[in-house]
């Protein structure tokens, strides 16, 4: 897999970066310099993010929906009719053993958006795209279906926060040839639309992954810089002090991964390649019901999923943990062991996948962890490894710690 880089890298080369995924991975902006202000903008205004860790796969052909419905875990014909244009769903792509090869957002688009014919766009992480193209493509035999990895020529940005829709509506115009597309101000979860920004077509789909309104923006790579400049022209740069009145309307800030990561953990949104992976079954992810239909026909890996459902549960699963203690306690690292007691010979029953300090919970430490199933019950007390011993933690009744948006 070739290293993916952002079209904005030349503008942001001097900012601190983090590496998403193992080598070669992709560099993602960590912060624009003031993490607290970036996080606050998610809750009180909105942020604009670069998303080079996301890949785009375009599925075309007259048989694409029928083919994908035989392959993916989600139902694409939920009411007897195929998924309508401007709608999106979440799904897994599994292997024959029922393990997860890809975590997808599937966006159905009408003719005239990305070509002369209708298509479906997959939003996946960049580490997944080559595997998905290879493994899903292997099942295309006589079907009128093509898969295109459009990542080299398309790029994604994102807006998150309560003023996201207003900011986007103010800086975009509808496209006359797509009068059926929803208005930005009316966009609901699992809907998409298309607008023009700085003269460029931008596909917008709503994904509320921070507990606030989230709008994902997909465009041609050569349009990214102008779209970024248009949306960011009134961004705050003074960390909350003596702001120019022009920046007060939407309280926009440019933000990096760290602010987003705090908000998505608070909102209970696990990520593929971070909180679950290709070694996991759907039932172990905490998002089974959001990705899997139990009323549709056959799909690859269905027997394993159905058998797991009939047995009641898998051996392990993702759980949200809130740690006891105060601001002086160290934040657990990914991979830190979890035990059921502090006894010297207590076995490891799981491991931390993500952890942050939560501003919405008074700076409490919160985590996702993969643990043995019987230790996931709400209220269960567990102990997370630290450099000085173990920190007491309590299993929560759901993955979400806080959200303004009701799922």
Protein backbone atom coordinates (compact mmCIF):
# COMPACT_ATOMS: atom_id res chain seq x y z
CA UNK A 1 0.00 0.00 0.00
CA UNK A 2 1.33 3.40 -0.98
CA UNK A 3 1.54 6.11 1.66
CA UNK A 4 -1.46 8.44 1.42
CA UNK A 5 -0.87 12.17 1.93
CA UNK A 6 -3.23 15.10 2.27
CA UNK A 7 -3.50 17.79 -0.43
CA UNK A 8 -3.16 20.21 2.50
CA UNK A 9 0.15 18.80 3.71
CA UNK A 10 2.17 21.69 2.27
CA UNK A 11 0.05 24.13 4.31
CA UNK A 12 0.34 22.15 7.54
CA UNK A 13 3.79 20.55 7.33
CA UNK A 14 4.98 22.43 10.41
CA UNK A 15 2.17 21.19 12.67
CA UNK A 16 2.57 18.22 15.03
CA UNK A 17 1.44 14.98 13.42
CA UNK A 18 0.52 11.51 14.61
CA UNK A 19 0.74 8.33 12.58
CA UNK A 20 -2.54 6.55 11.85
CA UNK A 21 -1.87 2.84 11.47
CA UNK A 22 1.30 0.79 11.16
CA UNK A 23 3.91 1.56 8.50
CA UNK A 24 3.49 3.06 6.03
CA UNK A 25 0.33 4.49 7.64
CA UNK A 26 -0.69 8.11 7.14
CA UNK A 27 0.20 11.32 8.96
CA UNK A 28 -2.75 13.09 10.59
CA UNK A 29 -2.63 16.53 12.24
CA UNK A 30 -2.50 16.09 16.02
CA UNK A 31 -3.45 19.67 16.97
CA UNK A 32 -3.34 23.20 15.61
CA UNK A 33 -1.73 24.37 18.84
CA UNK A 34 -4.42 24.62 21.50
CA UNK A 35 -6.13 21.33 22.28
CA UNK A 36 -8.51 22.74 24.89
CA UNK A 37 -9.85 25.39 22.51
CA UNK A 38 -10.22 22.88 19.68
CA UNK A 39 -12.21 20.54 21.89
CA UNK A 40 -14.35 23.41 23.23
CA UNK A 41 -15.24 24.36 19.65
CA UNK A 42 -16.73 20.89 19.09
CA UNK A 43 -19.09 21.47 22.00
CA UNK A 44 -19.80 25.20 21.56
CA UNK A 45 -19.28 25.95 17.86
CA UNK A 46 -17.65 23.71 15.27
CA UNK A 47 -14.32 22.44 14.01
CA UNK A 48 -12.92 21.87 10.53
CA UNK A 49 -10.72 18.77 10.19
CA UNK A 50 -8.54 17.29 7.50
CA UNK A 51 -9.21 13.54 7.09
CA UNK A 52 -6.31 11.93 5.18
CA UNK A 53 -6.86 8.67 7.11
CA UNK A 54 -10.09 8.05 5.17
CA UNK A 55 -10.29 6.33 1.79
CA UNK A 56 -12.99 6.39 -0.90
CA UNK A 57 -14.13 3.42 -2.96
CA UNK A 58 -16.73 3.90 -5.69
CA UNK A 59 -18.97 0.96 -6.63
CA UNK A 60 -20.65 1.19 -10.04
CA UNK A 61 -22.75 -1.06 -12.27
CA UNK A 62 -26.36 -2.10 -12.70
CA UNK A 63 -25.96 -5.08 -10.35
CA UNK A 64 -24.13 -3.22 -7.59
CA UNK A 65 -26.97 -3.11 -5.02
CA UNK A 66 -28.00 -6.71 -5.50
CA UNK A 67 -24.37 -7.83 -5.36
CA UNK A 68 -23.56 -5.79 -2.26
CA UNK A 69 -26.69 -6.99 -0.49
CA UNK A 70 -25.40 -10.55 -0.90
CA UNK A 71 -22.01 -9.58 0.48
CA UNK A 72 -22.45 -7.02 3.28
CA UNK A 73 -23.97 -7.42 6.75
CA UNK A 74 -26.41 -4.53 6.37
CA UNK A 75 -29.75 -4.64 4.58
CA UNK A 76 -29.75 -2.49 1.42
CA UNK A 77 -33.42 -3.23 0.67
CA UNK A 78 -34.98 -2.49 4.05
CA UNK A 79 -38.59 -1.79 2.99
CA UNK A 80 -38.79 -3.85 -0.17
CA UNK A 81 -37.14 -1.03 -2.12
CA UNK A 82 -33.43 -0.52 -2.69
CA UNK A 83 -31.73 2.15 -0.61
CA UNK A 84 -32.69 5.52 -2.10
CA UNK A 85 -30.20 8.09 -3.39
CA UNK A 86 -28.87 10.52 -0.76
CA UNK A 87 -29.00 7.89 1.97
CA UNK A 88 -26.21 6.06 3.79
CA UNK A 89 -25.91 3.06 6.09
CA UNK A 90 -23.18 1.48 8.19
CA UNK A 91 -22.08 -2.09 7.49
CA UNK A 92 -19.34 -4.66 7.96
CA UNK A 93 -17.60 -6.65 5.25
CA UNK A 94 -16.70 -10.03 6.73
CA UNK A 95 -14.52 -12.93 5.68
CA UNK A 96 -15.74 -16.53 5.60
CA UNK A 97 -14.83 -16.98 9.27
CA UNK A 98 -17.07 -14.09 10.24
CA UNK A 99 -14.19 -11.77 11.12
CA UNK A 100 -14.31 -8.11 10.10
CA UNK A 101 -12.34 -7.19 6.97
CA UNK A 102 -13.82 -3.67 6.72
CA UNK A 103 -16.04 -1.23 8.60
CA UNK A 104 -17.97 0.74 5.97
CA UNK A 105 -20.15 3.75 5.54
CA UNK A 106 -22.13 3.12 2.33
CA UNK A 107 -23.50 6.21 0.57
CA UNK A 108 -25.90 5.81 -2.37
CA UNK A 109 -25.63 8.61 -4.96
CA UNK A 110 -27.74 9.37 -8.04
CA UNK A 111 -26.53 9.80 -11.61
CA UNK A 112 -24.63 13.01 -12.17
CA UNK A 113 -22.78 13.14 -8.86
CA UNK A 114 -19.73 10.98 -9.58
CA UNK A 115 -20.40 10.15 -13.22
CA UNK A 116 -23.31 9.60 -15.57
CA UNK A 117 -24.71 6.59 -13.71
CA UNK A 118 -25.77 5.99 -10.09
CA UNK A 119 -23.11 4.65 -7.74
CA UNK A 120 -22.41 3.76 -4.14
CA UNK A 121 -19.49 5.28 -2.27
CA UNK A 122 -17.71 3.43 0.52
CA UNK A 123 -16.03 5.52 3.20
CA UNK A 124 -13.35 3.37 4.87
CA UNK A 125 -10.01 3.96 6.54
CA UNK A 126 -6.95 3.98 4.27
CA UNK A 127 -5.55 0.80 5.81
CA UNK A 128 -8.67 -1.11 4.79
CA UNK A 129 -9.12 0.05 1.19
CA UNK A 130 -6.62 -2.32 -0.52
CA UNK A 131 -7.94 -5.34 1.40
CA UNK A 132 -11.52 -4.43 0.56
CA UNK A 133 -10.80 -4.01 -3.14
CA UNK A 134 -9.03 -7.37 -3.26
CA UNK A 135 -11.37 -9.47 -1.15
CA UNK A 136 -14.71 -8.05 -2.24
CA UNK A 137 -13.56 -7.86 -5.85
CA UNK A 138 -12.78 -11.57 -5.82
CA UNK A 139 -16.52 -12.32 -5.62
CA UNK A 140 -17.42 -10.32 -8.74
CA UNK A 141 -17.95 -12.97 -11.41
CA UNK A 142 -20.68 -12.35 -13.97
CA UNK A 143 -22.08 -9.33 -12.12
CA UNK A 144 -22.21 -5.85 -13.67
CA UNK A 145 -20.15 -4.37 -10.84
CA UNK A 146 -16.88 -2.43 -10.71
CA UNK A 147 -14.84 -1.28 -7.72
CA UNK A 148 -12.64 1.80 -8.01
CA UNK A 149 -10.25 3.01 -5.34
CA UNK A 150 -10.83 6.74 -5.80
CA UNK A 151 -8.65 7.74 -2.84
CA UNK A 152 -5.80 9.17 -4.98
CA UNK A 153 -8.18 11.63 -6.67
CA UNK A 154 -10.71 12.34 -3.89
CA UNK A 155 -10.31 13.67 -0.38
CA UNK A 156 -12.40 14.12 2.74
CA UNK A 157 -12.74 16.96 5.23
CA UNK A 158 -15.16 17.12 8.19
CA UNK A 159 -17.11 19.61 10.27
CA UNK A 160 -18.18 18.69 13.81
CA UNK A 161 -20.17 20.77 16.26
CA UNK A 162 -23.59 22.37 16.78
CA UNK A 163 -22.96 25.19 14.27
CA UNK A 164 -21.60 22.91 11.51
CA UNK A 165 -24.73 22.97 9.34
CA UNK A 166 -25.13 26.72 9.61
CA UNK A 167 -21.49 27.31 8.67
CA UNK A 168 -21.72 25.00 5.68
CA UNK A 169 -25.03 26.45 4.51
CA UNK A 170 -23.60 29.96 4.66
CA UNK A 171 -20.56 29.02 2.59
CA UNK A 172 -22.19 26.79 -0.04
CA UNK A 173 -24.95 26.86 -2.63
CA UNK A 174 -27.27 24.08 -3.83
CA UNK A 175 -26.62 22.59 -7.26
CA UNK A 176 -29.47 23.23 -9.70
CA UNK A 177 -29.16 19.83 -11.38
CA UNK A 178 -29.77 18.08 -8.04
CA UNK A 179 -33.02 19.63 -6.87
CA UNK A 180 -33.90 16.33 -5.15
CA UNK A 181 -30.92 16.60 -2.79
CA UNK A 182 -31.74 17.55 0.82
CA UNK A 183 -30.83 21.04 1.97
CA UNK A 184 -27.81 21.23 4.26
CA UNK A 185 -29.91 22.82 7.01
CA UNK A 186 -32.36 19.88 6.85
CA UNK A 187 -29.83 17.05 6.59
CA UNK A 188 -30.68 14.19 8.94
CA UNK A 189 -28.49 11.33 10.21
CA UNK A 190 -27.90 8.76 7.46
CA UNK A 191 -28.62 11.33 4.75
CA UNK A 192 -26.34 12.88 2.14
CA UNK A 193 -26.51 15.82 -0.25
CA UNK A 194 -24.35 17.76 -2.69
CA UNK A 195 -23.43 21.45 -2.70
CA UNK A 196 -21.05 23.80 -4.43
CA UNK A 197 -18.26 25.44 -2.43
CA UNK A 198 -15.92 27.88 -4.17
CA UNK A 199 -17.19 26.49 -7.47
CA UNK A 200 -16.46 22.86 -6.57
CA UNK A 201 -18.95 20.01 -6.13
CA UNK A 202 -18.83 18.65 -2.57
CA UNK A 203 -20.74 15.56 -1.41
CA UNK A 204 -21.90 15.99 2.17
CA UNK A 205 -23.07 13.14 4.40
CA UNK A 206 -24.09 13.40 8.00
CA UNK A 207 -22.27 11.25 10.55
CA UNK A 208 -22.60 12.34 14.18
CA UNK A 209 -19.48 10.74 15.65
CA UNK A 210 -18.73 13.29 18.41
CA UNK A 211 -22.11 13.58 20.12
CA UNK A 212 -22.73 16.69 18.00
CA UNK A 213 -23.79 17.26 14.39
CA UNK A 214 -21.10 15.87 12.07
CA UNK A 215 -20.82 16.61 8.36
CA UNK A 216 -18.34 14.70 6.20
CA UNK A 217 -17.26 16.49 3.00
CA UNK A 218 -16.02 14.55 -0.03
CA UNK A 219 -14.49 16.33 -3.05
CA UNK A 220 -11.93 16.08 -5.81
CA UNK A 221 -8.39 16.40 -4.46
CA UNK A 222 -7.64 19.46 -6.58
CA UNK A 223 -10.58 21.26 -4.92
CA UNK A 224 -9.49 20.68 -1.32
CA UNK A 225 -7.35 23.77 -0.81
CA UNK A 226 -10.00 26.20 -2.10
CA UNK A 227 -12.77 24.49 -0.11
CA UNK A 228 -10.60 24.55 3.02
CA UNK A 229 -9.78 28.25 2.52
CA UNK A 230 -13.46 29.10 2.03
CA UNK A 231 -14.68 27.26 5.11
CA UNK A 232 -11.79 28.33 7.35
CA UNK A 233 -11.62 32.04 6.53
CA UNK A 234 -13.37 33.06 9.78
CA UNK A 235 -11.72 30.44 12.00
CA UNK A 236 -10.60 31.62 15.42
CA UNK A 237 -6.86 31.76 15.96
CA UNK A 238 -6.46 33.49 19.33
CA UNK A 239 -7.46 30.66 21.66
CA UNK A 240 -10.64 32.34 22.91
CA UNK A 241 -9.35 35.80 23.79
CA UNK A 242 -10.28 39.09 22.09
CA UNK A 243 -11.86 37.41 19.10
CA UNK A 244 -12.68 39.44 16.03
CA UNK A 245 -16.51 39.72 15.88
CA UNK A 246 -16.38 38.05 12.46
CA UNK A 247 -15.31 34.80 14.13
CA UNK A 248 -18.11 34.75 16.70
CA UNK A 249 -21.01 33.67 14.47
CA UNK A 250 -20.08 30.00 14.19
CA UNK A 251 -17.17 29.83 16.68
CA UNK A 252 -15.16 27.81 14.19
CA UNK A 253 -11.69 26.45 14.86
CA UNK A 254 -9.32 24.31 12.89
CA UNK A 255 -8.73 21.11 14.84
CA UNK A 256 -6.65 17.95 14.83
CA UNK A 257 -7.03 14.34 15.83
CA UNK A 258 -6.60 14.76 19.59
CA UNK A 259 -9.68 17.00 20.06
CA UNK A 260 -11.79 14.77 17.82
CA UNK A 261 -10.59 11.63 19.64
CA UNK A 262 -11.73 12.98 23.01
CA UNK A 263 -15.17 13.81 21.66
CA UNK A 264 -15.70 10.49 19.84
CA UNK A 265 -14.82 8.50 22.99
CA UNK A 266 -17.25 10.58 25.04
CA UNK A 267 -19.88 9.88 22.37
CA UNK A 268 -19.17 6.12 22.45
CA UNK A 269 -17.93 5.73 18.87
CA UNK A 270 -15.30 2.97 18.53
CA UNK A 271 -13.04 2.91 15.48
CA UNK A 272 -11.83 0.05 13.30
CA UNK A 273 -8.07 -0.60 13.62
CA UNK A 274 -8.17 1.07 17.05
CA UNK A 275 -10.95 -0.40 19.21
CA UNK A 276 -11.66 -3.51 17.13
CA UNK A 277 -9.95 -5.08 14.15
CA UNK A 278 -9.81 -7.90 11.64
CA UNK A 279 -9.43 -10.39 14.52
CA UNK A 280 -12.85 -9.47 15.93
CA UNK A 281 -16.34 -10.77 15.31
CA UNK A 282 -19.19 -8.24 14.87
CA UNK A 283 -20.63 -9.19 18.26
CA UNK A 284 -17.39 -8.11 19.94
CA UNK A 285 -17.43 -4.51 18.63
CA UNK A 286 -20.17 -2.86 20.65
CA UNK A 287 -21.80 -1.66 17.40
CA UNK A 288 -23.38 -4.91 16.23
CA UNK A 289 -26.92 -3.56 15.90
CA UNK A 290 -25.75 -0.53 13.94
CA UNK A 291 -23.90 -2.59 11.32
CA UNK A 292 -25.71 -5.95 11.06
CA UNK A 293 -29.21 -6.88 9.92
CA UNK A 294 -30.67 -10.08 11.37
CA UNK A 295 -33.66 -10.09 9.00
CA UNK A 296 -31.95 -10.03 5.60
CA UNK A 297 -30.86 -12.89 3.35
CA UNK A 298 -27.50 -14.60 3.25
CA UNK A 299 -24.18 -12.78 3.18
CA UNK A 300 -20.58 -13.83 3.57
CA UNK A 301 -19.86 -14.86 7.17
CA UNK A 302 -23.56 -14.94 8.12
CA UNK A 303 -23.45 -18.46 9.55
CA UNK A 304 -20.85 -17.41 12.11
CA UNK A 305 -22.78 -14.26 13.02
CA UNK A 306 -26.08 -16.16 13.35
CA UNK A 307 -24.49 -18.94 15.41
CA UNK A 308 -22.94 -16.37 17.75
CA UNK A 309 -26.32 -14.65 18.12
CA UNK A 310 -28.06 -17.94 18.93
CA UNK A 311 -25.42 -18.86 21.51
CA UNK A 312 -26.02 -15.55 23.28
CA UNK A 313 -22.62 -13.91 23.24
CA UNK A 314 -18.97 -14.22 22.14
CA UNK A 315 -16.00 -14.77 24.41
CA UNK A 316 -15.15 -11.06 24.65
CA UNK A 317 -16.59 -7.67 23.87
CA UNK A 318 -15.96 -3.92 23.94
CA UNK A 319 -16.86 -2.13 27.15
CA UNK A 320 -16.71 1.50 28.29
CA UNK A 321 -14.82 2.04 31.55
CA UNK A 322 -14.81 5.09 33.81
CA UNK A 323 -11.76 5.19 36.06
CA UNK A 324 -11.76 6.29 39.66
CA UNK A 325 -9.30 8.88 40.89
CA UNK A 326 -8.42 12.47 40.06
CA UNK A 327 -6.53 14.59 37.54
CA UNK A 328 -3.17 13.46 38.92
CA UNK A 329 -3.71 9.87 37.81
CA UNK A 330 -1.92 8.78 34.66
CA UNK A 331 -3.87 8.09 31.50
CA UNK A 332 -3.76 4.39 30.55
CA UNK A 333 -2.01 3.57 27.31
CA UNK A 334 -3.54 1.45 24.58
CA UNK A 335 -2.72 -2.16 25.38
CA UNK A 336 -2.68 -1.67 29.16
CA UNK A 337 -3.94 -4.84 30.81
CA UNK A 338 -7.27 -5.11 32.61
CA UNK A 339 -7.83 -7.48 35.54
CA UNK A 340 -10.80 -8.42 37.69
CA UNK A 341 -8.89 -7.92 40.93
CA UNK A 342 -5.57 -6.64 42.27
CA UNK A 343 -4.46 -10.04 43.52
CA UNK A 344 -0.88 -10.81 42.51
CA UNK A 345 -1.88 -13.82 40.46
CA UNK A 346 -5.08 -12.31 39.00
CA UNK A 347 -5.24 -13.19 35.30
CA UNK A 348 -5.48 -10.57 32.58
CA UNK A 349 -9.07 -10.49 31.32
CA UNK A 350 -8.68 -7.77 28.67
CA UNK A 351 -6.86 -4.70 27.44
CA UNK A 352 -7.41 -0.98 26.89
CA UNK A 353 -7.99 0.08 23.28
CA UNK A 354 -8.51 3.87 23.72
CA UNK A 355 -8.41 6.30 26.62
CA UNK A 356 -8.85 10.06 27.15
CA UNK A 357 -9.59 12.62 29.83
CA UNK A 358 -13.22 13.69 29.50
CA UNK A 359 -13.99 17.42 29.89
CA UNK A 360 -17.73 16.64 29.94
CA UNK A 361 -17.20 14.32 32.93
CA UNK A 362 -15.08 16.64 35.03
CA UNK A 363 -11.75 15.50 33.56
CA UNK A 364 -12.43 11.88 34.48
CA UNK A 365 -10.41 9.22 32.71
CA UNK A 366 -12.57 7.16 30.34
CA UNK A 367 -11.61 4.16 28.22
CA UNK A 368 -12.74 1.55 25.78
CA UNK A 369 -11.48 -1.95 26.54
CA UNK A 370 -11.87 -5.41 25.04
CA UNK A 371 -12.59 -7.75 27.98
CA UNK A 372 -13.96 -11.23 28.58
CA UNK A 373 -17.71 -11.19 28.19
CA UNK A 374 -18.73 -11.90 31.79
CA UNK A 375 -16.83 -8.80 32.96
CA UNK A 376 -18.89 -6.40 30.79
CA UNK A 377 -21.95 -6.18 33.06
CA UNK A 378 -22.76 -2.56 34.06
CA UNK A 379 -21.30 -1.72 37.45
CA UNK A 380 -18.60 -4.40 37.29
CA UNK A 381 -15.42 -3.21 39.01
CA UNK A 382 -12.21 -3.84 37.07
CA UNK A 383 -8.61 -2.75 37.48
CA UNK A 384 -6.49 -1.13 34.78
CA UNK A 385 -2.71 -1.47 34.80
CA UNK A 386 -0.61 1.64 35.44
CA UNK A 387 3.09 2.24 36.04
CA UNK A 388 2.43 2.41 39.79
CA UNK A 389 -0.04 -0.44 40.12
CA UNK A 390 -3.69 -0.64 39.13
CA UNK A 391 -6.48 1.94 38.85
CA UNK A 392 -10.03 0.99 39.77
CA UNK A 393 -12.56 1.28 36.93
CA UNK A 394 -16.30 0.71 36.57
CA UNK A 395 -18.01 -0.80 33.53
CA UNK A 396 -20.67 1.49 32.06
CA UNK A 397 -24.11 0.44 30.81
CA UNK A 398 -23.37 1.62 27.23
CA UNK A 399 -20.42 2.83 25.13
CA UNK A 400 -21.57 6.46 25.13
CA UNK A 401 -20.52 8.53 28.14
CA UNK A 402 -22.12 11.77 26.85
CA UNK A 403 -23.93 12.94 23.73
CA UNK A 404 -26.11 15.87 22.72
CA UNK A 405 -27.40 13.85 19.74
CA UNK A 406 -29.77 11.01 20.55
CA UNK A 407 -28.81 7.85 18.62
